C-alpha atoms as a PDB file:
ATOM      1  CA  MET A   1      86.087   9.407 -16.175  1.00  0.00           C
ATOM      2  CA  ALA A   2      83.192   8.721 -13.796  1.00  0.00           C
ATOM      3  CA  ALA A   3      79.705   9.881 -14.656  1.00  0.00           C
ATOM      4  CA  SER A   4      78.016  12.488 -12.506  1.00  0.00           C
ATOM      5  CA  PHE A   5      74.392  13.091 -11.679  1.00  0.00           C
ATOM      6  CA  ASN A   6      72.844  16.289 -10.341  1.00  0.00           C
ATOM      7  CA  LYS A   7      69.153  15.958  -9.497  1.00  0.00           C
ATOM      8  CA  VAL A   8      67.262  17.238  -6.478  1.00  0.00           C
ATOM      9  CA  ILE A   9      63.662  16.510  -5.475  1.00  0.00           C
ATOM     10  CA  LEU A  10      62.314  18.290  -2.400  1.00  0.00           C
ATOM     11  CA  VAL A  11      58.948  18.652  -0.677  1.00  0.00           C
ATOM     12  CA  GLY A  12      58.416  21.567   1.653  1.00  0.00           C
ATOM     13  CA  ASN A  13      56.438  24.708   2.459  1.00  0.00           C
ATOM     14  CA  LEU A  14      57.204  28.221   1.223  1.00  0.00           C
ATOM     15  CA  THR A  15      58.608  30.446   3.962  1.00  0.00           C
ATOM     16  CA  ARG A  16      57.567  33.654   2.185  1.00  0.00           C
ATOM     17  CA  ASP A  17      55.816  34.770  -0.986  1.00  0.00           C
ATOM     18  CA  PRO A  18      57.825  34.268  -4.198  1.00  0.00           C
ATOM     19  CA  GLU A  19      59.654  37.284  -5.623  1.00  0.00           C
ATOM     20  CA  ILE A  20      59.713  37.724  -9.396  1.00  0.00           C
ATOM     21  CA  ARG A  21      61.992  39.967 -11.423  1.00  0.00           C
ATOM     22  CA  TYR A  22      62.981  40.237 -15.048  1.00  0.00           C
ATOM     23  CA  VAL A  23      66.603  40.170 -16.213  1.00  0.00           C
ATOM     24  CA  THR A  24      67.831  42.447 -19.009  1.00  0.00           C
ATOM     25  CA  SER A  25      67.110  39.803 -21.654  1.00  0.00           C
ATOM     26  CA  GLY A  26      63.443  39.856 -20.595  1.00  0.00           C
ATOM     27  CA  SER A  27      63.451  36.414 -18.951  1.00  0.00           C
ATOM     28  CA  ALA A  28      61.487  36.060 -15.735  1.00  0.00           C
ATOM     29  CA  VAL A  29      63.229  34.695 -12.651  1.00  0.00           C
ATOM     30  CA  THR A  30      61.402  33.869  -9.420  1.00  0.00           C
ATOM     31  CA  LYS A  31      63.104  33.148  -6.118  1.00  0.00           C
ATOM     32  CA  PHE A  32      61.602  31.678  -2.989  1.00  0.00           C
ATOM     33  CA  ARG A  33      62.643  29.540  -0.032  1.00  0.00           C
ATOM     34  CA  ILE A  34      61.102  26.322   1.206  1.00  0.00           C
ATOM     35  CA  ALA A  35      61.321  24.719   4.625  1.00  0.00           C
ATOM     36  CA  VAL A  36      62.002  20.990   4.394  1.00  0.00           C
ATOM     37  CA  ASN A  37      61.278  19.024   7.557  1.00  0.00           C
ATOM     38  CA  PRO A  38      63.202  15.838   8.275  1.00  0.00           C
ATOM     39  CA  ASN A  39      61.313  12.595   7.912  1.00  0.00           C
ATOM     40  CA  LYS A  40      61.683  11.640  11.572  1.00  0.00           C
ATOM     41  CA  ARG A  41      59.194  11.360  14.416  1.00  0.00           C
ATOM     42  CA  ASP A  42      61.516  12.944  16.965  1.00  0.00           C
ATOM     43  CA  ALA A  43      62.525  15.861  14.708  1.00  0.00           C
ATOM     44  CA  LYS A  44      63.205  19.190  16.374  1.00  0.00           C
ATOM     45  CA  PRO A  45      62.449  22.589  14.788  1.00  0.00           C
ATOM     46  CA  GLU A  46      66.174  23.210  14.423  1.00  0.00           C
ATOM     47  CA  ASP A  47      66.416  20.124  12.180  1.00  0.00           C
ATOM     48  CA  THR A  48      64.395  21.918   9.477  1.00  0.00           C
ATOM     49  CA  MET A  49      66.400  22.777   6.345  1.00  0.00           C
ATOM     50  CA  TYR A  50      65.756  26.023   4.475  1.00  0.00           C
ATOM     51  CA  VAL A  51      66.496  25.752   0.772  1.00  0.00           C
ATOM     52  CA  ASP A  52      66.625  28.608  -1.742  1.00  0.00           C
ATOM     53  CA  ILE A  53      64.752  27.853  -4.980  1.00  0.00           C
ATOM     54  CA  VAL A  54      65.142  29.571  -8.364  1.00  0.00           C
ATOM     55  CA  ALA A  55      62.722  29.216 -11.302  1.00  0.00           C
ATOM     56  CA  TRP A  56      63.194  30.663 -14.786  1.00  0.00           C
ATOM     57  CA  GLU A  57      60.932  31.862 -17.599  1.00  0.00           C
ATOM     58  CA  ARG A  58      57.411  30.369 -17.793  1.00  0.00           C
ATOM     59  CA  LEU A  59      57.908  28.261 -14.649  1.00  0.00           C
ATOM     60  CA  ALA A  60      58.943  31.454 -12.818  1.00  0.00           C
ATOM     61  CA  GLU A  61      55.700  33.159 -13.802  1.00  0.00           C
ATOM     62  CA  THR A  62      53.661  30.107 -12.776  1.00  0.00           C
ATOM     63  CA  CYS A  63      55.350  29.938  -9.358  1.00  0.00           C
ATOM     64  CA  ASN A  64      54.801  33.638  -8.799  1.00  0.00           C
ATOM     65  CA  THR A  65      51.117  33.382  -9.749  1.00  0.00           C
ATOM     66  CA  TYR A  66      50.060  30.298  -7.809  1.00  0.00           C
ATOM     67  CA  LEU A  67      52.421  29.931  -4.840  1.00  0.00           C
ATOM     68  CA  LYS A  68      52.313  31.910  -1.624  1.00  0.00           C
ATOM     69  CA  LYS A  69      53.731  31.754   1.863  1.00  0.00           C
ATOM     70  CA  GLY A  70      52.885  28.411   3.501  1.00  0.00           C
ATOM     71  CA  SER A  71      52.042  26.617   0.243  1.00  0.00           C
ATOM     72  CA  PRO A  72      53.142  22.970   0.216  1.00  0.00           C
ATOM     73  CA  VAL A  73      55.127  22.253  -2.935  1.00  0.00           C
ATOM     74  CA  LEU A  74      57.248  19.568  -4.596  1.00  0.00           C
ATOM     75  CA  VAL A  75      60.166  20.903  -6.648  1.00  0.00           C
ATOM     76  CA  GLU A  76      62.514  19.069  -8.981  1.00  0.00           C
ATOM     77  CA  GLY A  77      65.726  20.471 -10.379  1.00  0.00           C
ATOM     78  CA  ARG A  78      69.484  20.651 -10.045  1.00  0.00           C
ATOM     79  CA  LEU A  79      71.785  21.876  -7.309  1.00  0.00           C
ATOM     80  CA  ALA A  80      73.675  25.037  -8.267  1.00  0.00           C
ATOM     81  CA  ILE A  81      76.428  26.899  -6.439  1.00  0.00           C
ATOM     82  CA  ARG A  82      77.125  30.436  -7.558  1.00  0.00           C
ATOM     83  CA  SER A  83      79.717  32.933  -6.395  1.00  0.00           C
ATOM     84  CA  TYR A  84      79.165  36.638  -5.972  1.00  0.00           C
ATOM     85  CA  ASP A  85      80.884  39.666  -4.432  1.00  0.00           C
ATOM     86  CA  ASP A  86      79.217  40.938  -1.265  1.00  0.00           C
ATOM     87  CA  ALA A  87      79.263  44.706  -1.700  1.00  0.00           C
ATOM     88  CA  LYS A  88      78.294  45.288   1.945  1.00  0.00           C
ATOM     89  CA  LEU A  89      81.344  43.525   3.413  1.00  0.00           C
ATOM     90  CA  ARG A  90      84.990  44.309   2.627  1.00  0.00           C
ATOM     91  CA  ASP A  91      88.232  42.613   3.570  1.00  0.00           C
ATOM     92  CA  GLU A  92      91.334  44.375   4.998  1.00  0.00           C
ATOM     93  CA  SER A  93      92.452  45.563   1.549  1.00  0.00           C
ATOM     94  CA  GLY A  94      89.026  47.088   0.815  1.00  0.00           C
ATOM     95  CA  GLN A  95      87.977  44.447  -1.700  1.00  0.00           C
ATOM     96  CA  PRO A  96      84.447  43.006  -1.558  1.00  0.00           C
ATOM     97  CA  ILE A  97      84.253  39.622   0.137  1.00  0.00           C
ATOM     98  CA  ARG A  98      83.543  36.719  -2.200  1.00  0.00           C
ATOM     99  CA  ARG A  99      80.499  34.649  -1.145  1.00  0.00           C
ATOM    100  CA  GLN A 100      78.864  31.452  -2.364  1.00  0.00           C
ATOM    101  CA  ALA A 101      75.149  30.702  -2.568  1.00  0.00           C
ATOM    102  CA  THR A 102      73.748  27.191  -2.851  1.00  0.00           C
ATOM    103  CA  GLU A 103      70.330  26.953  -4.479  1.00  0.00           C
ATOM    104  CA  VAL A 104      68.135  24.572  -6.440  1.00  0.00           C
ATOM    105  CA  VAL A 105      67.360  25.669  -9.994  1.00  0.00           C
ATOM    106  CA  ILE A 106      64.057  23.949 -10.679  1.00  0.00           C
ATOM    107  CA  SER A 107      62.807  22.443 -13.910  1.00  0.00           C
ATOM    108  CA  GLY A 108      59.488  21.283 -12.456  1.00  0.00           C
ATOM    109  CA  MET A 109      57.092  22.195  -9.685  1.00  0.00           C
ATOM    110  CA  GLN A 110      53.999  20.471  -8.323  1.00  0.00           C
ATOM    111  CA  MET A 111      51.587  22.280  -6.021  1.00  0.00           C
ATOM    112  CA  LEU A 112      50.473  19.907  -3.271  1.00  0.00           C
ATOM    113  CA  SER A 113      47.212  21.656  -2.421  1.00  0.00           C
ATOM    114  CA  SER A 114      44.338  23.006  -4.457  1.00  0.00           C
ATOM    115  CA  ARG A 115      43.397  26.673  -4.563  1.00  0.00           C
ATOM    116  CA  ARG A 116      40.358  25.804  -2.400  1.00  0.00           C
ATOM    117  CA  ASP A 117      42.664  24.460   0.310  1.00  0.00           C
ATOM    118  CA  ASP A 118      44.700  27.677   0.326  1.00  0.00           C
ATOM    119  CA  GLY A 119      41.795  30.032   1.098  1.00  0.00           C
ATOM    120  CA  ASP A 120      42.255  32.663   3.786  1.00  0.00           C
ATOM    121  CA  GLY A 121      38.693  33.204   5.003  1.00  0.00           C
ATOM    122  CA  PRO A 122      36.182  31.322   7.088  1.00  0.00           C
ATOM    123  CA  ASP A 123      35.326  29.213   4.018  1.00  0.00           C
ATOM    124  CA  ARG A 124      38.826  27.799   4.010  1.00  0.00           C
ATOM    125  CA  GLY A 125      39.233  24.139   3.231  1.00  0.00           C
ATOM    126  CA  PHE A 126      37.903  21.517   0.895  1.00  0.00           C
ATOM    127  CA  ASN A 127      34.660  21.185   2.819  1.00  0.00           C
ATOM    128  CA  GLY A 128      33.737  24.862   2.895  1.00  0.00           C
ATOM    129  CA  GLY A 129      35.430  25.374   6.244  1.00  0.00           C
ATOM    130  CA  ARG A 130      33.241  22.852   8.068  1.00  0.00           C
ATOM    131  CA  ALA A 131      34.768  19.993   9.930  1.00  0.00           C
ATOM    132  CA  ALA A 132      34.052  16.590   8.412  1.00  0.00           C
ATOM    133  CA  TRP A 133      32.123  15.529  11.527  1.00  0.00           C
ATOM    134  CA  THR A 134      29.597  18.345  10.903  1.00  0.00           C
ATOM    135  CA  VAL A 135      28.581  16.748   7.623  1.00  0.00           C
ATOM    136  CA  ASP A 136      28.440  13.314   9.270  1.00  0.00           C
ATOM    137  CA  ALA A 137      26.296  14.673  12.107  1.00  0.00           C
ATOM    138  CA  ARG A 138      23.811  16.069   9.593  1.00  0.00           C
ATOM    139  CA  ALA A 139      23.635  12.700   7.835  1.00  0.00           C
ATOM    140  CA  LEU A 140      23.185  10.987  11.210  1.00  0.00           C
ATOM    141  CA  THR A 141      20.321  13.340  12.038  1.00  0.00           C
ATOM    142  CA  ILE A 142      18.602  12.503   8.734  1.00  0.00           C
ATOM    143  CA  TRP A 143      19.052   8.757   9.367  1.00  0.00           C
ATOM    144  CA  THR A 144      17.754   9.062  12.910  1.00  0.00           C
ATOM    145  CA  LYS A 145      14.602  10.842  11.719  1.00  0.00           C
ATOM    146  CA  ALA A 146      14.089   8.265   8.980  1.00  0.00           C
ATOM    147  CA  ILE A 147      14.422   5.394  11.455  1.00  0.00           C
ATOM    148  CA  ALA A 148      12.033   7.046  13.925  1.00  0.00           C
ATOM    149  CA  ALA A 149       9.445   7.392  11.160  1.00  0.00           C
ATOM    150  CA  ALA A 150       9.879   3.781   9.988  1.00  0.00           C
ATOM    151  CA  PRO A 151       7.640   0.942  11.139  1.00  0.00           C
ATOM    152  CA  ALA A 152       8.706  -0.855  14.317  1.00  0.00           C
ATOM    153  CA  THR A 153       9.748  -4.049  12.469  1.00  0.00           C
ATOM    154  CA  LEU A 154      12.115  -2.075  10.234  1.00  0.00           C
ATOM    155  CA  ARG A 155      13.557  -0.223  13.231  1.00  0.00           C
ATOM    156  CA  SER A 156      14.387  -3.462  15.047  1.00  0.00           C
ATOM    157  CA  THR A 157      16.007  -4.877  11.879  1.00  0.00           C
ATOM    158  CA  TYR A 158      18.097  -1.708  11.456  1.00  0.00           C
ATOM    159  CA  SER A 159      19.088  -1.760  15.145  1.00  0.00           C
ATOM    160  CA  SER A 160      20.350  -5.332  14.967  1.00  0.00           C
ATOM    161  CA  MET A 161      22.236  -4.597  11.720  1.00  0.00           C
ATOM    162  CA  THR A 162      23.893  -1.552  13.322  1.00  0.00           C
ATOM    163  CA  LEU A 163      24.967  -3.488  16.416  1.00  0.00           C
ATOM    164  CA  GLU A 164      26.404  -6.321  14.322  1.00  0.00           C
ATOM    165  CA  GLY A 165      28.182  -3.868  12.020  1.00  0.00           C
ATOM    166  CA  GLU A 166      29.946  -2.209  14.934  1.00  0.00           C
ATOM    167  CA  GLY A 167      31.292  -5.523  16.226  1.00  0.00           C
ATOM    168  CA  ARG A 168      29.040  -5.721  19.287  1.00  0.00           C
END
């Protein structure tokens, strides 16, 4: 008999906020969907795969607490196919139609952004919402003032060092 292996690792963004519920045994289960883009330069929006994710117990509570719509996430788990009766649709004899759902039951999850990166306000981002060039411009202003205040010999030395450093 041949061995089998069922492991899935995906990186994507949540398409909506996770939904948590508790089964009769008291275990938490969280469901969410991630959009996985193909790793191609010429990918089209229709090439995006949408994958249903299921987390159980403590991992379910963690996902529900820290993940939200748009969050980039890496999930690791196993592929599961479950069957269920669709109560909304019936066949000719009046019986519910049998459906199948394919989902990834995860055993691990890694958030790919910090809570600071997921902010919603004007202070969003790792740098307090400012573009990186703003910080560099401030540093450049400080250097310019320092050079202007320096003696002429130091200014000419700094000028020649700057021109050589830039490959001129």
